[in-house]
């Protein structure tokens, strides 16, 4: 059975000689450390200085260089974005000889700026419109944005690219992701409808019906929601 000392001061039974020996050892250790620092002062100062240089370089890179690169990339993207809006997708991708296209901007500022991330989205959509579906997938997968509208469109565009490539499994997966990612009834119903149609093509009538019923249940007043019954009736006739 365990016993406890309540309110009783425990006496230190360690011999005084042992305590004195420990104090001497500590003093010797401190002395050795001081002598090492004194004998290797230049080395120690060099190490400390090197660490400070690395810290300053890191701060300068993040607080000065990256913002400067971001501003420069955004400035260079202006003309490429204009070509994109005009549906001049080749010029948007490759530039016009005077101004760079999205591909050059991505290569020049790769992994450093928000502008290059957006350029990857534009490049993916450009390739999709040009019928180059493999490159569309490559660049759309590089895009990683927080904007809900653009991220939804990127996911839906991946669904379109995979659909064109005949990879319906991935197409359905990305259509569902796009539909679930969107708070907007227009894009949500559009991608639930595409997911349902893709599942119908795969012979997954039960999955297609579920996608169509999601539109009927969650977006009954949308344009697609008001005409969804015909899709549900069609797929039910196949079951």
Protein backbone atom coordinates (compact mmCIF):
# COMPACT_ATOMS: atom_id res chain seq x y z
CA UNK A 1 0.00 0.00 0.00
CA UNK A 2 1.32 3.43 -0.94
CA UNK A 3 2.02 5.89 1.94
CA UNK A 4 2.11 9.69 1.72
CA UNK A 5 3.81 12.36 3.83
CA UNK A 6 1.16 14.95 4.63
CA UNK A 7 2.53 18.31 5.69
CA UNK A 8 5.90 16.78 6.54
CA UNK A 9 9.04 18.49 5.15
CA UNK A 10 11.17 15.92 3.36
CA UNK A 11 14.78 16.15 4.39
CA UNK A 12 17.44 16.21 1.67
CA UNK A 13 19.50 13.10 2.37
CA UNK A 14 22.02 13.66 -0.45
CA UNK A 15 25.55 13.90 1.04
CA UNK A 16 27.10 17.38 1.00
CA UNK A 17 30.14 15.98 -0.74
CA UNK A 18 28.06 14.87 -3.72
CA UNK A 19 26.44 18.32 -3.97
CA UNK A 20 29.82 20.02 -3.93
CA UNK A 21 31.13 17.68 -6.63
CA UNK A 22 28.13 18.47 -8.87
CA UNK A 23 28.70 22.21 -8.46
CA UNK A 24 32.35 21.78 -9.44
CA UNK A 25 31.34 19.78 -12.53
CA UNK A 26 28.86 22.49 -13.55
CA UNK A 27 31.51 25.19 -13.16
CA UNK A 28 33.94 23.15 -15.26
CA UNK A 29 31.27 22.71 -17.98
CA UNK A 30 30.53 26.44 -18.06
CA UNK A 31 34.24 27.15 -18.18
CA UNK A 32 34.74 24.81 -21.16
CA UNK A 33 31.83 26.43 -22.97
CA UNK A 34 33.27 29.90 -22.39
CA UNK A 35 36.71 28.82 -23.58
CA UNK A 36 35.19 27.21 -26.71
CA UNK A 37 33.33 30.43 -27.59
CA UNK A 38 36.45 32.50 -26.91
CA UNK A 39 38.70 30.20 -28.97
CA UNK A 40 36.20 29.99 -31.83
CA UNK A 41 34.84 33.51 -31.75
CA UNK A 42 35.13 34.03 -35.52
CA UNK A 43 33.41 30.73 -36.29
CA UNK A 44 30.54 31.46 -33.88
CA UNK A 45 30.11 34.99 -35.22
CA UNK A 46 30.16 33.62 -38.76
CA UNK A 47 27.40 31.12 -37.97
CA UNK A 48 25.26 33.76 -36.27
CA UNK A 49 25.86 36.16 -39.14
CA UNK A 50 24.93 33.49 -41.68
CA UNK A 51 21.67 32.79 -39.88
CA UNK A 52 20.84 36.52 -39.84
CA UNK A 53 21.59 36.77 -43.56
CA UNK A 54 19.23 33.85 -44.28
CA UNK A 55 16.47 35.43 -42.18
CA UNK A 56 16.87 38.79 -43.92
CA UNK A 57 16.93 37.11 -47.34
CA UNK A 58 13.74 35.21 -46.51
CA UNK A 59 11.97 38.38 -45.37
CA UNK A 60 13.13 40.31 -48.43
CA UNK A 61 11.99 37.53 -50.76
CA UNK A 62 8.50 37.36 -49.25
CA UNK A 63 7.95 41.05 -48.57
CA UNK A 64 9.72 42.70 -51.51
CA UNK A 65 10.52 40.29 -54.34
CA UNK A 66 7.24 38.33 -54.47
CA UNK A 67 4.99 41.45 -54.37
CA UNK A 68 7.13 42.99 -57.12
CA UNK A 69 6.82 39.87 -59.25
CA UNK A 70 3.06 39.80 -58.66
CA UNK A 71 2.66 43.39 -59.84
CA UNK A 72 4.83 42.74 -62.92
CA UNK A 73 2.95 39.54 -63.85
CA UNK A 74 -0.43 41.25 -63.52
CA UNK A 75 0.76 44.06 -65.76
CA UNK A 76 1.99 41.62 -68.42
CA UNK A 77 -1.28 39.65 -68.34
CA UNK A 78 -3.38 42.61 -69.42
CA UNK A 79 -3.02 42.10 -73.17
CA UNK A 80 -3.39 38.30 -72.92
CA UNK A 81 -6.63 38.75 -70.98
CA UNK A 82 -7.90 41.12 -73.68
CA UNK A 83 -7.22 38.52 -76.38
CA UNK A 84 -8.95 35.90 -74.20
CA UNK A 85 -12.10 38.04 -73.94
CA UNK A 86 -12.06 38.44 -77.72
CA UNK A 87 -11.92 34.63 -78.14
CA UNK A 88 -8.47 34.97 -79.76
CA UNK A 89 -7.22 31.96 -77.83
CA UNK A 90 -4.00 31.34 -79.78
CA UNK A 91 -2.87 34.93 -79.19
CA UNK A 92 -3.96 34.69 -75.56
CA UNK A 93 -1.81 31.59 -75.11
CA UNK A 94 1.26 32.52 -77.14
CA UNK A 95 1.29 36.32 -77.27
CA UNK A 96 1.47 38.57 -80.31
CA UNK A 97 5.21 39.16 -80.56
CA UNK A 98 5.05 42.37 -78.57
CA UNK A 99 3.27 41.16 -75.46
CA UNK A 100 3.55 37.74 -73.79
CA UNK A 101 0.77 35.18 -73.69
CA UNK A 102 -0.35 33.14 -70.73
CA UNK A 103 2.18 30.35 -71.38
CA UNK A 104 5.18 32.70 -71.22
CA UNK A 105 3.82 34.38 -68.09
CA UNK A 106 3.38 30.98 -66.40
CA UNK A 107 6.94 29.99 -67.31
CA UNK A 108 8.44 33.33 -66.24
CA UNK A 109 6.70 33.58 -62.87
CA UNK A 110 5.99 29.91 -62.18
CA UNK A 111 4.83 29.13 -58.65
CA UNK A 112 5.36 32.66 -57.37
CA UNK A 113 2.27 34.75 -57.89
CA UNK A 114 -1.51 34.75 -57.87
CA UNK A 115 -1.34 36.05 -61.43
CA UNK A 116 0.35 32.86 -62.69
CA UNK A 117 -2.28 30.79 -60.93
CA UNK A 118 -5.00 32.71 -62.79
CA UNK A 119 -2.98 32.43 -66.01
CA UNK A 120 -3.15 28.64 -65.64
CA UNK A 121 -6.94 28.86 -65.55
CA UNK A 122 -7.03 31.07 -68.64
CA UNK A 123 -4.61 28.74 -70.45
CA UNK A 124 -6.75 25.71 -69.61
CA UNK A 125 -9.93 27.36 -70.88
CA UNK A 126 -8.10 28.54 -74.02
CA UNK A 127 -6.92 25.01 -74.79
CA UNK A 128 -10.43 23.70 -74.15
CA UNK A 129 -11.85 26.12 -76.72
CA UNK A 130 -9.11 25.16 -79.19
CA UNK A 131 -9.96 21.46 -78.82
CA UNK A 132 -6.63 20.54 -77.17
CA UNK A 133 -8.21 18.64 -74.29
CA UNK A 134 -5.04 17.07 -72.89
CA UNK A 135 -3.42 20.48 -72.38
CA UNK A 136 -6.73 21.80 -71.07
CA UNK A 137 -6.62 19.18 -68.31
CA UNK A 138 -2.93 19.89 -67.61
CA UNK A 139 -3.37 23.62 -67.06
CA UNK A 140 -6.75 23.50 -65.35
CA UNK A 141 -5.30 21.10 -62.78
CA UNK A 142 -2.54 23.63 -62.05
CA UNK A 143 -5.15 26.18 -61.06
CA UNK A 144 -5.90 26.37 -57.34
CA UNK A 145 -8.04 29.36 -56.47
CA UNK A 146 -10.28 30.46 -53.62
CA UNK A 147 -12.71 32.43 -55.79
CA UNK A 148 -15.87 30.32 -55.77
CA UNK A 149 -17.05 31.34 -59.23
CA UNK A 150 -13.73 30.75 -61.01
CA UNK A 151 -12.96 27.56 -59.09
CA UNK A 152 -16.43 26.22 -60.01
CA UNK A 153 -15.88 27.04 -63.69
CA UNK A 154 -12.44 25.38 -63.57
CA UNK A 155 -13.92 22.18 -62.12
CA UNK A 156 -16.72 22.20 -64.69
CA UNK A 157 -14.21 22.82 -67.51
CA UNK A 158 -12.22 19.79 -66.33
CA UNK A 159 -15.45 17.81 -66.59
CA UNK A 160 -15.91 19.07 -70.16
CA UNK A 161 -12.31 18.22 -71.12
CA UNK A 162 -12.53 14.69 -69.72
CA UNK A 163 -15.90 14.23 -71.44
CA UNK A 164 -14.35 15.20 -74.78
CA UNK A 165 -11.52 12.75 -74.11
CA UNK A 166 -14.06 9.98 -73.51
CA UNK A 167 -13.11 9.63 -69.85
CA UNK A 168 -16.66 9.76 -68.51
CA UNK A 169 -15.75 8.58 -65.02
CA UNK A 170 -13.54 11.63 -64.43
CA UNK A 171 -16.01 13.85 -66.28
CA UNK A 172 -18.84 12.85 -63.93
CA UNK A 173 -16.60 13.30 -60.89
CA UNK A 174 -15.65 16.87 -61.86
CA UNK A 175 -19.20 17.82 -62.87
CA UNK A 176 -20.38 16.75 -59.41
CA UNK A 177 -17.55 18.71 -57.75
CA UNK A 178 -18.43 21.79 -59.79
CA UNK A 179 -22.14 21.49 -58.94
CA UNK A 180 -21.44 21.03 -55.22
CA UNK A 181 -18.91 23.90 -55.20
CA UNK A 182 -21.34 26.45 -56.62
CA UNK A 183 -23.80 28.57 -54.61
CA UNK A 184 -25.12 29.94 -57.90
CA UNK A 185 -28.22 28.18 -59.19
CA UNK A 186 -27.27 28.72 -62.83
CA UNK A 187 -23.90 26.94 -62.62
CA UNK A 188 -25.11 24.40 -60.05
CA UNK A 189 -28.02 23.26 -62.22
CA UNK A 190 -25.86 23.32 -65.36
CA UNK A 191 -23.30 20.93 -63.87
CA UNK A 192 -25.85 18.65 -62.17
CA UNK A 193 -27.53 18.37 -65.57
CA UNK A 194 -24.22 17.55 -67.30
CA UNK A 195 -23.41 15.01 -64.59
CA UNK A 196 -26.81 13.35 -65.13
CA UNK A 197 -26.39 13.28 -68.89
CA UNK A 198 -22.91 11.78 -68.57
CA UNK A 199 -24.25 9.09 -66.24
CA UNK A 200 -27.01 8.30 -68.72
CA UNK A 201 -24.36 7.77 -71.40
CA UNK A 202 -22.60 5.39 -69.00
CA UNK A 203 -25.83 3.48 -68.43
CA UNK A 204 -26.03 4.64 -64.83
CA UNK A 205 -29.72 5.52 -64.92
CA UNK A 206 -30.11 5.47 -61.15
CA UNK A 207 -27.25 7.97 -60.73
CA UNK A 208 -28.64 10.15 -63.51
CA UNK A 209 -32.07 10.20 -61.88
CA UNK A 210 -30.49 11.22 -58.57
CA UNK A 211 -28.66 14.13 -60.26
CA UNK A 212 -31.86 15.32 -61.97
CA UNK A 213 -33.87 15.00 -58.76
CA UNK A 214 -31.26 17.14 -56.99
CA UNK A 215 -32.09 19.92 -59.44
CA UNK A 216 -35.84 19.42 -58.94
CA UNK A 217 -35.49 19.40 -55.15
CA UNK A 218 -32.94 22.18 -54.60
CA UNK A 219 -33.52 24.50 -57.57
CA UNK A 220 -37.20 24.06 -58.54
CA UNK A 221 -37.61 27.69 -59.66
CA UNK A 222 -34.53 27.76 -61.88
CA UNK A 223 -34.88 27.56 -65.65
CA UNK A 224 -33.43 24.05 -65.64
CA UNK A 225 -35.53 23.07 -62.62
CA UNK A 226 -38.75 23.97 -64.43
CA UNK A 227 -37.97 21.58 -67.29
CA UNK A 228 -36.22 18.80 -65.36
CA UNK A 229 -39.28 16.51 -65.22
CA UNK A 230 -38.75 15.44 -68.83
CA UNK A 231 -35.22 14.28 -67.99
CA UNK A 232 -36.46 12.36 -64.97
CA UNK A 233 -39.25 10.74 -67.04
CA UNK A 234 -36.75 9.78 -69.76
CA UNK A 235 -34.36 8.10 -67.37
CA UNK A 236 -37.19 6.35 -65.48
CA UNK A 237 -38.33 4.81 -68.76
CA UNK A 238 -34.91 3.17 -69.06
CA UNK A 239 -34.97 1.65 -65.58
